Structures are given as C-alpha cells and as structure tokens.
PDB file of N, CA and C in Angstrom:
ATOM      1  N   UNK A   1      28.130   2.331-119.056  1.00  0.00           N
ATOM      2  CA  UNK A   1      27.178   3.119-118.281  1.00  0.00           C
ATOM      3  C   UNK A   1      27.540   4.591-118.400  1.00  0.00           C
ATOM      4  N   UNK A   2      26.571   5.411-118.807  1.00  0.00           N
ATOM      5  CA  UNK A   2      26.859   6.847-118.937  1.00  0.00           C
ATOM      6  C   UNK A   2      26.631   7.540-117.600  1.00  0.00           C
ATOM      7  N   UNK A   3      27.442   8.513-117.338  1.00  0.00           N
ATOM      8  CA  UNK A   3      27.344   9.272-116.095  1.00  0.00           C
ATOM      9  C   UNK A   3      26.795  10.645-116.430  1.00  0.00           C
ATOM     10  N   UNK A   4      25.654  10.980-115.856  1.00  0.00           N
ATOM     11  CA  UNK A   4      25.062  12.280-116.069  1.00  0.00           C
ATOM     12  C   UNK A   4      23.883  12.249-117.026  1.00  0.00           C
ATOM     13  N   UNK A   5      23.447  13.426-117.420  1.00  0.00           N
ATOM     14  CA  UNK A   5      22.311  13.631-118.319  1.00  0.00           C
ATOM     15  C   UNK A   5      22.722  14.648-119.383  1.00  0.00           C
ATOM     16  N   UNK A   6      21.831  14.900-120.329  1.00  0.00           N
ATOM     17  CA  UNK A   6      22.138  15.864-121.390  1.00  0.00           C
ATOM     18  C   UNK A   6      21.150  17.025-121.464  1.00  0.00           C
ATOM     19  N   UNK A   7      20.103  17.024-120.624  1.00  0.00           N
ATOM     20  CA  UNK A   7      19.063  18.053-120.739  1.00  0.00           C
ATOM     21  C   UNK A   7      18.503  18.384-119.355  1.00  0.00           C
ATOM     22  N   UNK A   8      18.476  19.679-119.020  1.00  0.00           N
ATOM     23  CA  UNK A   8      17.991  20.133-117.713  1.00  0.00           C
ATOM     24  C   UNK A   8      17.123  21.369-117.876  1.00  0.00           C
ATOM     25  N   UNK A   9      16.258  21.582-116.879  1.00  0.00           N
ATOM     26  CA  UNK A   9      15.427  22.788-116.794  1.00  0.00           C
ATOM     27  C   UNK A   9      15.696  23.448-115.443  1.00  0.00           C
ATOM     28  N   UNK A  10      15.877  24.767-115.481  1.00  0.00           N
ATOM     29  CA  UNK A  10      16.022  25.572-114.266  1.00  0.00           C
ATOM     30  C   UNK A  10      14.933  26.646-114.345  1.00  0.00           C
ATOM     31  N   UNK A  11      13.796  26.462-113.657  1.00  0.00           N
ATOM     32  CA  UNK A  11      12.666  27.372-113.816  1.00  0.00           C
ATOM     33  C   UNK A  11      12.843  28.758-113.202  1.00  0.00           C
ATOM     34  N   UNK A  12      13.731  28.911-112.216  1.00  0.00           N
ATOM     35  CA  UNK A  12      13.834  30.181-111.484  1.00  0.00           C
ATOM     36  C   UNK A  12      15.189  30.834-111.707  1.00  0.00           C
ATOM     37  N   UNK A  13      15.318  31.548-112.802  1.00  0.00           N
ATOM     38  CA  UNK A  13      16.539  32.310-113.052  1.00  0.00           C
ATOM     39  C   UNK A  13      16.312  33.782-112.731  1.00  0.00           C
ATOM     40  N   UNK A  14      17.322  34.416-112.170  1.00  0.00           N
ATOM     41  CA  UNK A  14      17.221  35.846-111.843  1.00  0.00           C
ATOM     42  C   UNK A  14      18.617  36.346-111.496  1.00  0.00           C
ATOM     43  N   UNK A  15      19.091  37.309-112.243  1.00  0.00           N
ATOM     44  CA  UNK A  15      20.386  37.919-111.957  1.00  0.00           C
ATOM     45  C   UNK A  15      20.120  39.164-111.111  1.00  0.00           C
ATOM     46  N   UNK A  16      20.470  39.153-109.825  1.00  0.00           N
ATOM     47  CA  UNK A  16      20.229  40.334-108.986  1.00  0.00           C
ATOM     48  C   UNK A  16      20.904  41.571-109.585  1.00  0.00           C
ATOM     49  N   UNK A  17      20.178  42.685-109.687  1.00  0.00           N
ATOM     50  CA  UNK A  17      20.707  43.867-110.372  1.00  0.00           C
ATOM     51  C   UNK A  17      21.686  44.704-109.554  1.00  0.00           C
ATOM     52  N   UNK A  18      21.722  44.498-108.242  1.00  0.00           N
ATOM     53  CA  UNK A  18      22.598  45.322-107.406  1.00  0.00           C
ATOM     54  C   UNK A  18      23.363  44.441-106.429  1.00  0.00           C
ATOM     55  N   UNK A  19      24.357  45.034-105.812  1.00  0.00           N
ATOM     56  CA  UNK A  19      25.163  44.367-104.794  1.00  0.00           C
ATOM     57  C   UNK A  19      25.470  45.358-103.685  1.00  0.00           C
ATOM     58  N   UNK A  20      25.723  44.827-102.501  1.00  0.00           N
ATOM     59  CA  UNK A  20      26.185  45.669-101.405  1.00  0.00           C
ATOM     60  C   UNK A  20      27.445  45.026-100.843  1.00  0.00           C
ATOM     61  N   UNK A  21      28.371  45.822-100.436  1.00  0.00           N
ATOM     62  CA  UNK A  21      29.603  45.262 -99.900  1.00  0.00           C
ATOM     63  C   UNK A  21      30.526  44.775-101.009  1.00  0.00           C
ATOM     64  N   UNK A  22      31.433  43.859-100.645  1.00  0.00           N
ATOM     65  CA  UNK A  22      32.457  43.396-101.583  1.00  0.00           C
ATOM     66  C   UNK A  22      31.988  42.275-102.502  1.00  0.00           C
ATOM     67  N   UNK A  23      31.011  41.479-102.071  1.00  0.00           N
ATOM     68  CA  UNK A  23      30.540  40.364-102.888  1.00  0.00           C
ATOM     69  C   UNK A  23      29.580  40.855-103.965  1.00  0.00           C
ATOM     70  N   UNK A  24      29.777  40.389-105.191  1.00  0.00           N
ATOM     71  CA  UNK A  24      28.937  40.792-106.314  1.00  0.00           C
ATOM     72  C   UNK A  24      27.807  39.769-106.480  1.00  0.00           C
ATOM     73  N   UNK A  25      26.578  40.269-106.529  1.00  0.00           N
ATOM     74  CA  UNK A  25      25.434  39.395-106.788  1.00  0.00           C
ATOM     75  C   UNK A  25      25.611  38.735-108.147  1.00  0.00           C
ATOM     76  N   UNK A  26      25.323  37.437-108.211  1.00  0.00           N
ATOM     77  CA  UNK A  26      25.436  36.724-109.487  1.00  0.00           C
ATOM     78  C   UNK A  26      24.752  35.378-109.392  1.00  0.00           C
ATOM     79  N   UNK A  27      24.625  34.737-110.536  1.00  0.00           N
ATOM     80  CA  UNK A  27      24.182  33.356-110.571  1.00  0.00           C
ATOM     81  C   UNK A  27      25.072  32.599-111.534  1.00  0.00           C
ATOM     82  N   UNK A  28      25.164  31.302-111.312  1.00  0.00           N
ATOM     83  CA  UNK A  28      26.027  30.448-112.131  1.00  0.00           C
ATOM     84  C   UNK A  28      25.337  29.136-112.439  1.00  0.00           C
ATOM     85  N   UNK A  29      25.624  28.631-113.620  1.00  0.00           N
ATOM     86  CA  UNK A  29      25.280  27.270-113.987  1.00  0.00           C
ATOM     87  C   UNK A  29      26.601  26.512-113.916  1.00  0.00           C
ATOM     88  N   UNK A  30      26.687  25.575-112.994  1.00  0.00           N
ATOM     89  CA  UNK A  30      27.932  24.839-112.772  1.00  0.00           C
ATOM     90  C   UNK A  30      27.826  23.489-113.468  1.00  0.00           C
ATOM     91  N   UNK A  31      28.788  23.185-114.348  1.00  0.00           N
ATOM     92  CA  UNK A  31      28.759  21.963-115.144  1.00  0.00           C
ATOM     93  C   UNK A  31      29.977  21.115-114.813  1.00  0.00           C
ATOM     94  N   UNK A  32      29.753  19.830-114.547  1.00  0.00           N
ATOM     95  CA  UNK A  32      30.829  18.862-114.353  1.00  0.00           C
ATOM     96  C   UNK A  32      30.810  17.900-115.537  1.00  0.00           C
ATOM     97  N   UNK A  33      31.911  17.872-116.284  1.00  0.00           N
ATOM     98  CA  UNK A  33      32.057  16.988-117.439  1.00  0.00           C
ATOM     99  C   UNK A  33      33.012  15.854-117.071  1.00  0.00           C
ATOM    100  N   UNK A  34      32.476  14.646-116.863  1.00  0.00           N
ATOM    101  CA  UNK A  34      33.307  13.497-116.539  1.00  0.00           C
ATOM    102  C   UNK A  34      33.812  12.774-117.791  1.00  0.00           C
ATOM    103  N   UNK A  35      33.371  13.202-118.964  1.00  0.00           N
ATOM    104  CA  UNK A  35      33.821  12.608-120.217  1.00  0.00           C
ATOM    105  C   UNK A  35      35.283  12.954-120.471  1.00  0.00           C
ATOM    106  N   UNK A  36      35.950  12.126-121.243  1.00  0.00           N
ATOM    107  CA  UNK A  36      37.336  12.420-121.627  1.00  0.00           C
ATOM    108  C   UNK A  36      37.400  13.574-122.620  1.00  0.00           C
ATOM    109  N   UNK A  37      36.328  13.754-123.404  1.00  0.00           N
ATOM    110  CA  UNK A  37      36.307  14.784-124.448  1.00  0.00           C
ATOM    111  C   UNK A  37      35.579  16.045-123.990  1.00  0.00           C
ATOM    112  N   UNK A  38      35.903  17.150-124.635  1.00  0.00           N
ATOM    113  CA  UNK A  38      35.208  18.419-124.426  1.00  0.00           C
ATOM    114  C   UNK A  38      33.748  18.279-124.833  1.00  0.00           C
ATOM    115  N   UNK A  39      32.866  18.989-124.136  1.00  0.00           N
ATOM    116  CA  UNK A  39      31.452  19.018-124.506  1.00  0.00           C
ATOM    117  C   UNK A  39      31.032  20.462-124.767  1.00  0.00           C
ATOM    118  N   UNK A  40      29.956  20.605-125.528  1.00  0.00           N
ATOM    119  CA  UNK A  40      29.325  21.905-125.745  1.00  0.00           C
ATOM    120  C   UNK A  40      28.097  21.987-124.862  1.00  0.00           C
ATOM    121  N   UNK A  41      27.953  23.093-124.146  1.00  0.00           N
ATOM    122  CA  UNK A  41      26.778  23.340-123.318  1.00  0.00           C
ATOM    123  C   UNK A  41      26.038  24.534-123.911  1.00  0.00           C
ATOM    124  N   UNK A  42      24.759  24.338-124.179  1.00  0.00           N
ATOM    125  CA  UNK A  42      23.904  25.395-124.736  1.00  0.00           C
ATOM    126  C   UNK A  42      22.884  25.795-123.688  1.00  0.00           C
ATOM    127  N   UNK A  43      22.769  27.097-123.458  1.00  0.00           N
ATOM    128  CA  UNK A  43      21.765  27.630-122.532  1.00  0.00           C
ATOM    129  C   UNK A  43      20.770  28.456-123.332  1.00  0.00           C
ATOM    130  N   UNK A  44      19.479  28.157-123.134  1.00  0.00           N
ATOM    131  CA  UNK A  44      18.391  28.934-123.719  1.00  0.00           C
ATOM    132  C   UNK A  44      17.627  29.581-122.577  1.00  0.00           C
ATOM    133  N   UNK A  45      17.342  30.884-122.688  1.00  0.00           N
ATOM    134  CA  UNK A  45      16.633  31.615-121.635  1.00  0.00           C
ATOM    135  C   UNK A  45      15.229  31.981-122.117  1.00  0.00           C
ATOM    136  N   UNK A  46      14.240  31.774-121.247  1.00  0.00           N
ATOM    137  CA  UNK A  46      12.841  32.036-121.566  1.00  0.00           C
ATOM    138  C   UNK A  46      12.274  33.039-120.564  1.00  0.00           C
ATOM    139  N   UNK A  47      11.469  33.985-121.053  1.00  0.00           N
ATOM    140  CA  UNK A  47      10.958  35.099-120.253  1.00  0.00           C
ATOM    141  C   UNK A  47       9.437  35.140-120.254  1.00  0.00           C
ATOM    142  N   UNK A  48       8.879  35.916-119.323  1.00  0.00           N
ATOM    143  CA  UNK A  48       7.432  36.103-119.251  1.00  0.00           C
ATOM    144  C   UNK A  48       6.920  37.010-120.363  1.00  0.00           C
ATOM    145  N   UNK A  49       7.696  38.030-120.710  1.00  0.00           N
ATOM    146  CA  UNK A  49       7.168  39.105-121.554  1.00  0.00           C
ATOM    147  C   UNK A  49       8.055  39.496-122.734  1.00  0.00           C
ATOM    148  N   UNK A  50       8.962  38.615-123.143  1.00  0.00           N
ATOM    149  CA  UNK A  50       9.844  38.910-124.267  1.00  0.00           C
ATOM    150  C   UNK A  50      10.262  37.614-124.934  1.00  0.00           C
ATOM    151  N   UNK A  51      10.840  37.766-126.107  1.00  0.00           N
ATOM    152  CA  UNK A  51      11.279  36.603-126.871  1.00  0.00           C
ATOM    153  C   UNK A  51      12.440  35.901-126.145  1.00  0.00           C
ATOM    154  N   UNK A  52      12.558  34.595-126.315  1.00  0.00           N
ATOM    155  CA  UNK A  52      13.658  33.874-125.671  1.00  0.00           C
ATOM    156  C   UNK A  52      15.014  34.252-126.272  1.00  0.00           C
ATOM    157  N   UNK A  53      16.048  34.011-125.502  1.00  0.00           N
ATOM    158  CA  UNK A  53      17.424  34.135-125.985  1.00  0.00           C
ATOM    159  C   UNK A  53      17.916  32.699-126.150  1.00  0.00           C
ATOM    160  N   UNK A  54      18.165  32.330-127.383  1.00  0.00           N
ATOM    161  CA  UNK A  54      18.507  30.943-127.689  1.00  0.00           C
ATOM    162  C   UNK A  54      19.958  30.822-128.126  1.00  0.00           C
ATOM    163  N   UNK A  55      20.536  29.674-127.860  1.00  0.00           N
ATOM    164  CA  UNK A  55      21.850  29.351-128.397  1.00  0.00           C
ATOM    165  C   UNK A  55      23.032  30.039-127.749  1.00  0.00           C
ATOM    166  N   UNK A  56      22.997  30.177-126.420  1.00  0.00           N
ATOM    167  CA  UNK A  56      24.170  30.701-125.713  1.00  0.00           C
ATOM    168  C   UNK A  56      25.073  29.511-125.418  1.00  0.00           C
ATOM    169  N   UNK A  57      26.160  29.384-126.156  1.00  0.00           N
ATOM    170  CA  UNK A  57      27.019  28.201-126.096  1.00  0.00           C
ATOM    171  C   UNK A  57      28.330  28.468-125.372  1.00  0.00           C
ATOM    172  N   UNK A  58      28.811  27.425-124.712  1.00  0.00           N
ATOM    173  CA  UNK A  58      30.136  27.453-124.108  1.00  0.00           C
ATOM    174  C   UNK A  58      30.697  26.038-124.130  1.00  0.00           C
ATOM    175  N   UNK A  59      31.978  25.927-123.961  1.00  0.00           N
ATOM    176  CA  UNK A  59      32.651  24.630-123.962  1.00  0.00           C
ATOM    177  C   UNK A  59      33.092  24.270-122.539  1.00  0.00           C
ATOM    178  N   UNK A  60      33.053  22.987-122.238  1.00  0.00           N
ATOM    179  CA  UNK A  60      33.570  22.472-120.971  1.00  0.00           C
ATOM    180  C   UNK A  60      34.571  21.374-121.327  1.00  0.00           C
ATOM    181  N   UNK A  61      35.851  21.576-121.026  1.00  0.00           N
ATOM    182  CA  UNK A  61      36.864  20.566-121.363  1.00  0.00           C
ATOM    183  C   UNK A  61      36.579  19.228-120.692  1.00  0.00           C
ATOM    184  N   UNK A  62      37.169  18.179-121.248  1.00  0.00           N
ATOM    185  CA  UNK A  62      37.006  16.843-120.690  1.00  0.00           C
ATOM    186  C   UNK A  62      37.542  16.753-119.271  1.00  0.00           C
ATOM    187  N   UNK A  63      36.799  16.051-118.424  1.00  0.00           N
ATOM    188  CA  UNK A  63      37.138  15.829-117.023  1.00  0.00           C
ATOM    189  C   UNK A  63      37.438  17.130-116.277  1.00  0.00           C
ATOM    190  N   UNK A  64      36.604  18.131-116.551  1.00  0.00           N
ATOM    191  CA  UNK A  64      36.749  19.447-115.922  1.00  0.00           C
ATOM    192  C   UNK A  64      35.371  19.962-115.501  1.00  0.00           C
ATOM    193  N   UNK A  65      35.404  21.044-114.761  1.00  0.00           N
ATOM    194  CA  UNK A  65      34.194  21.740-114.367  1.00  0.00           C
ATOM    195  C   UNK A  65      34.248  23.167-114.893  1.00  0.00           C
ATOM    196  N   UNK A  66      33.091  23.735-115.140  1.00  0.00           N
ATOM    197  CA  UNK A  66      33.018  25.142-115.568  1.00  0.00           C
ATOM    198  C   UNK A  66      31.854  25.789-114.846  1.00  0.00           C
ATOM    199  N   UNK A  67      32.120  26.955-114.239  1.00  0.00           N
ATOM    200  CA  UNK A  67      31.087  27.753-113.596  1.00  0.00           C
ATOM    201  C   UNK A  67      30.742  28.875-114.560  1.00  0.00           C
ATOM    202  N   UNK A  68      29.566  28.777-115.154  1.00  0.00           N
ATOM    203  CA  UNK A  68      29.141  29.703-116.197  1.00  0.00           C
ATOM    204  C   UNK A  68      28.312  30.808-115.560  1.00  0.00           C
ATOM    205  N   UNK A  69      28.862  32.005-115.486  1.00  0.00           N
ATOM    206  CA  UNK A  69      28.105  33.146-114.965  1.00  0.00           C
ATOM    207  C   UNK A  69      27.079  33.545-116.016  1.00  0.00           C
ATOM    208  N   UNK A  70      25.818  33.502-115.652  1.00  0.00           N
ATOM    209  CA  UNK A  70      24.767  33.770-116.626  1.00  0.00           C
ATOM    210  C   UNK A  70      24.780  35.211-117.126  1.00  0.00           C
ATOM    211  N   UNK A  71      25.341  36.113-116.366  1.00  0.00           N
ATOM    212  CA  UNK A  71      25.441  37.506-116.814  1.00  0.00           C
ATOM    213  C   UNK A  71      26.540  37.694-117.855  1.00  0.00           C
ATOM    214  N   UNK A  72      27.392  36.689-118.039  1.00  0.00           N
ATOM    215  CA  UNK A  72      28.537  36.823-118.941  1.00  0.00           C
ATOM    216  C   UNK A  72      28.409  36.033-120.234  1.00  0.00           C
ATOM    217  N   UNK A  73      27.344  35.280-120.407  1.00  0.00           N
ATOM    218  CA  UNK A  73      27.193  34.529-121.649  1.00  0.00           C
ATOM    219  C   UNK A  73      26.280  35.299-122.600  1.00  0.00           C
ATOM    220  N   UNK A  74      26.450  35.047-123.884  1.00  0.00           N
ATOM    221  CA  UNK A  74      25.595  35.714-124.862  1.00  0.00           C
ATOM    222  C   UNK A  74      25.364  34.805-126.060  1.00  0.00           C
ATOM    223  N   UNK A  75      24.313  35.126-126.793  1.00  0.00           N
ATOM    224  CA  UNK A  75      23.975  34.361-127.987  1.00  0.00           C
ATOM    225  C   UNK A  75      24.942  34.726-129.111  1.00  0.00           C
ATOM    226  N   UNK A  76      24.845  34.012-130.223  1.00  0.00           N
ATOM    227  CA  UNK A  76      25.720  34.303-131.363  1.00  0.00           C
ATOM    228  C   UNK A  76      25.462  35.691-131.937  1.00  0.00           C
ATOM    229  N   UNK A  77      24.283  36.260-131.663  1.00  0.00           N
ATOM    230  CA  UNK A  77      23.982  37.619-132.124  1.00  0.00           C
ATOM    231  C   UNK A  77      24.344  38.687-131.089  1.00  0.00           C
ATOM    232  N   UNK A  78      24.985  38.281-129.982  1.00  0.00           N
ATOM    233  CA  UNK A  78      25.462  39.239-128.993  1.00  0.00           C
ATOM    234  C   UNK A  78      24.449  39.633-127.929  1.00  0.00           C
ATOM    235  N   UNK A  79      23.330  38.920-127.825  1.00  0.00           N
ATOM    236  CA  UNK A  79      22.300  39.230-126.832  1.00  0.00           C
ATOM    237  C   UNK A  79      22.597  38.451-125.554  1.00  0.00           C
ATOM    238  N   UNK A  80      22.460  39.126-124.400  1.00  0.00           N
ATOM    239  CA  UNK A  80      22.706  38.468-123.118  1.00  0.00           C
ATOM    240  C   UNK A  80      21.488  38.599-122.205  1.00  0.00           C
ATOM    241  N   UNK A  81      21.475  37.829-121.140  1.00  0.00           N
ATOM    242  CA  UNK A  81      20.371  37.834-120.183  1.00  0.00           C
ATOM    243  C   UNK A  81      20.430  39.126-119.362  1.00  0.00           C
ATOM    244  N   UNK A  82      19.332  39.885-119.301  1.00  0.00           N
ATOM    245  CA  UNK A  82      19.347  41.128-118.521  1.00  0.00           C
ATOM    246  C   UNK A  82      19.242  40.874-117.019  1.00  0.00           C
ATOM    247  N   UNK A  83      19.875  41.727-116.244  1.00  0.00           N
ATOM    248  CA  UNK A  83      19.759  41.663-114.780  1.00  0.00           C
ATOM    249  C   UNK A  83      18.391  42.183-114.357  1.00  0.00           C
ATOM    250  N   UNK A  84      17.902  41.662-113.235  1.00  0.00           N
ATOM    251  CA  UNK A  84      16.658  42.158-112.660  1.00  0.00           C
ATOM    252  C   UNK A  84      15.397  41.694-113.366  1.00  0.00           C
ATOM    253  N   UNK A  85      15.501  40.692-114.235  1.00  0.00           N
ATOM    254  CA  UNK A  85      14.348  40.187-114.979  1.00  0.00           C
ATOM    255  C   UNK A  85      14.223  38.679-114.728  1.00  0.00           C
ATOM    256  N   UNK A  86      13.089  38.222-114.195  1.00  0.00           N
ATOM    257  CA  UNK A  86      12.919  36.789-113.978  1.00  0.00           C
ATOM    258  C   UNK A  86      12.914  36.028-115.305  1.00  0.00           C
ATOM    259  N   UNK A  87      13.462  34.839-115.288  1.00  0.00           N
ATOM    260  CA  UNK A  87      13.483  34.007-116.489  1.00  0.00           C
ATOM    261  C   UNK A  87      13.682  32.553-116.083  1.00  0.00           C
ATOM    262  N   UNK A  88      13.616  31.666-117.053  1.00  0.00           N
ATOM    263  CA  UNK A  88      13.883  30.246-116.850  1.00  0.00           C
ATOM    264  C   UNK A  88      14.937  29.817-117.856  1.00  0.00           C
ATOM    265  N   UNK A  89      15.639  28.719-117.546  1.00  0.00           N
ATOM    266  CA  UNK A  89      16.704  28.245-118.424  1.00  0.00           C
ATOM    267  C   UNK A  89      16.479  26.798-118.830  1.00  0.00           C
ATOM    268  N   UNK A  90      16.885  26.526-120.047  1.00  0.00           N
ATOM    269  CA  UNK A  90      17.029  25.171-120.542  1.00  0.00           C
ATOM    270  C   UNK A  90      18.521  24.985-120.803  1.00  0.00           C
ATOM    271  N   UNK A  91      19.088  23.912-120.293  1.00  0.00           N
ATOM    272  CA  UNK A  91      20.515  23.633-120.460  1.00  0.00           C
ATOM    273  C   UNK A  91      20.639  22.302-121.204  1.00  0.00           C
ATOM    274  N   UNK A  92      21.402  22.316-122.294  1.00  0.00           N
ATOM    275  CA  UNK A  92      21.567  21.126-123.116  1.00  0.00           C
ATOM    276  C   UNK A  92      23.060  20.873-123.299  1.00  0.00           C
ATOM    277  N   UNK A  93      23.491  19.644-123.041  1.00  0.00           N
ATOM    278  CA  UNK A  93      24.901  19.271-123.212  1.00  0.00           C
ATOM    279  C   UNK A  93      25.027  18.271-124.361  1.00  0.00           C
ATOM    280  N   UNK A  94      26.143  18.356-125.070  1.00  0.00           N
ATOM    281  CA  UNK A  94      26.361  17.462-126.206  1.00  0.00           C
ATOM    282  C   UNK A  94      26.653  16.026-125.771  1.00  0.00           C
ATOM    283  N   UNK A  95      27.059  15.820-124.530  1.00  0.00           N
ATOM    284  CA  UNK A  95      27.277  14.496-123.941  1.00  0.00           C
ATOM    285  C   UNK A  95      26.830  14.562-122.483  1.00  0.00           C
ATOM    286  N   UNK A  96      26.584  13.418-121.840  1.00  0.00           N
ATOM    287  CA  UNK A  96      26.131  13.431-120.450  1.00  0.00           C
ATOM    288  C   UNK A  96      27.090  14.198-119.526  1.00  0.00           C
ATOM    289  N   UNK A  97      26.494  14.968-118.623  1.00  0.00           N
ATOM    290  CA  UNK A  97      27.233  15.773-117.647  1.00  0.00           C
ATOM    291  C   UNK A  97      26.326  15.987-116.442  1.00  0.00           C
ATOM    292  N   UNK A  98      26.784  16.781-115.490  1.00  0.00           N
ATOM    293  CA  UNK A  98      26.005  17.134-114.304  1.00  0.00           C
ATOM    294  C   UNK A  98      25.886  18.653-114.234  1.00  0.00           C
ATOM    295  N   UNK A  99      24.703  19.140-113.823  1.00  0.00           N
ATOM    296  CA  UNK A  99      24.455  20.588-113.777  1.00  0.00           C
ATOM    297  C   UNK A  99      23.886  20.968-112.415  1.00  0.00           C
ATOM    298  N   UNK A 100      24.466  22.025-111.859  1.00  0.00           N
ATOM    299  CA  UNK A 100      24.007  22.612-110.602  1.00  0.00           C
ATOM    300  C   UNK A 100      23.795  24.102-110.850  1.00  0.00           C
ATOM    301  N   UNK A 101      22.806  24.685-110.165  1.00  0.00           N
ATOM    302  CA  UNK A 101      22.501  26.109-110.305  1.00  0.00           C
ATOM    303  C   UNK A 101      22.739  26.800-108.968  1.00  0.00           C
ATOM    304  N   UNK A 102      23.408  27.952-108.992  1.00  0.00           N
ATOM    305  CA  UNK A 102      23.676  28.715-107.764  1.00  0.00           C
ATOM    306  C   UNK A 102      23.385  30.190-107.981  1.00  0.00           C
ATOM    307  N   UNK A 103      22.879  30.841-106.932  1.00  0.00           N
ATOM    308  CA  UNK A 103      22.662  32.283-106.964  1.00  0.00           C
ATOM    309  C   UNK A 103      23.173  32.900-105.666  1.00  0.00           C
ATOM    310  N   UNK A 104      23.996  33.933-105.804  1.00  0.00           N
ATOM    311  CA  UNK A 104      24.425  34.728-104.655  1.00  0.00           C
ATOM    312  C   UNK A 104      23.717  36.069-104.750  1.00  0.00           C
ATOM    313  N   UNK A 105      22.887  36.360-103.757  1.00  0.00           N
ATOM    314  CA  UNK A 105      22.159  37.625-103.717  1.00  0.00           C
ATOM    315  C   UNK A 105      22.757  38.475-102.607  1.00  0.00           C
ATOM    316  N   UNK A 106      23.520  39.477-103.006  1.00  0.00           N
ATOM    317  CA  UNK A 106      24.134  40.383-102.028  1.00  0.00           C
ATOM    318  C   UNK A 106      23.526  41.773-102.116  1.00  0.00           C
ATOM    319  N   UNK A 107      22.234  41.849-102.467  1.00  0.00           N
ATOM    320  CA  UNK A 107      21.568  43.148-102.562  1.00  0.00           C
ATOM    321  C   UNK A 107      21.403  43.787-101.184  1.00  0.00           C
ATOM    322  N   UNK A 108      21.454  42.979-100.127  1.00  0.00           N
ATOM    323  CA  UNK A 108      21.380  43.471 -98.758  1.00  0.00           C
ATOM    324  C   UNK A 108      22.657  43.075 -98.024  1.00  0.00           C
ATOM    325  N   UNK A 109      22.864  43.655 -96.879  1.00  0.00           N
ATOM    326  CA  UNK A 109      24.050  43.311 -96.083  1.00  0.00           C
ATOM    327  C   UNK A 109      24.032  41.839 -95.679  1.00  0.00           C
ATOM    328  N   UNK A 110      22.824  41.274 -95.489  1.00  0.00           N
ATOM    329  CA  UNK A 110      22.680  39.859 -95.155  1.00  0.00           C
ATOM    330  C   UNK A 110      22.628  39.079 -96.467  1.00  0.00           C
ATOM    331  N   UNK A 111      23.745  38.532 -96.885  1.00  0.00           N
ATOM    332  CA  UNK A 111      23.827  37.826 -98.158  1.00  0.00           C
ATOM    333  C   UNK A 111      23.010  36.538 -98.130  1.00  0.00           C
ATOM    334  N   UNK A 112      22.532  36.142 -99.303  1.00  0.00           N
ATOM    335  CA  UNK A 112      21.809  34.886 -99.445  1.00  0.00           C
ATOM    336  C   UNK A 112      22.459  34.078-100.559  1.00  0.00           C
ATOM    337  N   UNK A 113      22.698  32.796-100.285  1.00  0.00           N
ATOM    338  CA  UNK A 113      23.263  31.894-101.277  1.00  0.00           C
ATOM    339  C   UNK A 113      22.326  30.712-101.436  1.00  0.00           C
ATOM    340  N   UNK A 114      21.971  30.421-102.683  1.00  0.00           N
ATOM    341  CA  UNK A 114      21.108  29.289-102.984  1.00  0.00           C
ATOM    342  C   UNK A 114      21.825  28.423-104.001  1.00  0.00           C
ATOM    343  N   UNK A 115      21.789  27.116-103.805  1.00  0.00           N
ATOM    344  CA  UNK A 115      22.411  26.216-104.753  1.00  0.00           C
ATOM    345  C   UNK A 115      21.591  24.929-104.806  1.00  0.00           C
ATOM    346  N   UNK A 116      21.202  24.515-106.013  1.00  0.00           N
ATOM    347  CA  UNK A 116      20.394  23.317-106.192  1.00  0.00           C
ATOM    348  C   UNK A 116      20.862  22.551-107.425  1.00  0.00           C
ATOM    349  N   UNK A 117      20.616  21.264-107.442  1.00  0.00           N
ATOM    350  CA  UNK A 117      20.854  20.491-108.650  1.00  0.00           C
ATOM    351  C   UNK A 117      19.754  20.831-109.648  1.00  0.00           C
ATOM    352  N   UNK A 118      20.130  20.996-110.903  1.00  0.00           N
ATOM    353  CA  UNK A 118      19.147  21.297-111.942  1.00  0.00           C
ATOM    354  C   UNK A 118      18.251  20.088-112.166  1.00  0.00           C
ATOM    355  N   UNK A 119      17.037  20.336-112.629  1.00  0.00           N
ATOM    356  CA  UNK A 119      16.077  19.264-112.902  1.00  0.00           C
ATOM    357  C   UNK A 119      16.408  18.625-114.240  1.00  0.00           C
ATOM    358  N   UNK A 120      16.786  17.358-114.236  1.00  0.00           N
ATOM    359  CA  UNK A 120      17.141  16.694-115.493  1.00  0.00           C
ATOM    360  C   UNK A 120      15.879  16.163-116.162  1.00  0.00           C
ATOM    361  N   UNK A 121      15.854  16.295-117.474  1.00  0.00           N
ATOM    362  CA  UNK A 121      14.728  15.860-118.280  1.00  0.00           C
ATOM    363  C   UNK A 121      15.070  14.503-118.875  1.00  0.00           C
ATOM    364  N   UNK A 122      14.256  13.502-118.597  1.00  0.00           N
ATOM    365  CA  UNK A 122      14.475  12.178-119.160  1.00  0.00           C
ATOM    366  C   UNK A 122      14.104  12.173-120.633  1.00  0.00           C
ATOM    367  N   UNK A 123      14.825  11.374-121.390  1.00  0.00           N
ATOM    368  CA  UNK A 123      14.514  11.231-122.818  1.00  0.00           C
ATOM    369  C   UNK A 123      13.222  10.448-122.975  1.00  0.00           C
ATOM    370  N   UNK A 124      12.444  10.821-124.005  1.00  0.00           N
ATOM    371  CA  UNK A 124      11.186  10.105-124.282  1.00  0.00           C
ATOM    372  C   UNK A 124      11.452   8.766-124.924  1.00  0.00           C
TER     373      UNK A 124
END
C-alpha cells in the first residue's frame, strides 16, 4: 500500500511583498516523504499575465520533511517566483508523499497564518 500521492494543485499562491515587525512574510510548500529513498519534488508556477515558471526542483530525503520556501526556489535557468504577484502551483513528486501549503502574511501588525492540505490529483 502506497502512502501519499504524487501530484497536487495549489490554486492560490502569493508571496507577500512586505513584512512588519520581526516575522517575515512568506509561504511554504511542506513535503513529508515517508519513503525510505530520497524523492524529487518539482514545482511549476502559473500566472495570469506571464509565462509559467517550470521545473523548480528540490530533493526531500527519505523519511524526512522539507519546508520549501517558494521565494527561495528557482528554475534551472535561474528564474524565481516574484513577490506580490498572484499565481498557482503544480507540485509533482517522483514517489508518493504528502503536501501541505502555508502562508504567513505579516504585512500588518495583526499577522495572518493560513495552512491547508494541497489538492491531490488522482491518476486517470
């Protein structure tokens, strides 16, 4: 029995462009890999008014978790997701895993934290 999925969609991505106070606004894709082996996680970003950023890859060691800050990943050509621009994400793992999405918005003194499980796409 496999644990997890290999494909998810996160329709509401947004890296807050500013912060107030000590906490830095950010968002993360949190991956739990229950496999014994390392997996590759690929993030593709899609926008309303520009070309997608495809092939942002990272590794998650076996039986570990990785919190991937979306502002810190980039494609093989060095392109990264811009702050302050709405986008959506597709997350693909080389083996079954679990994905959660979180955003900390500290643009105001009253911080907001949102965290949801990503929508997994069933295989056809």
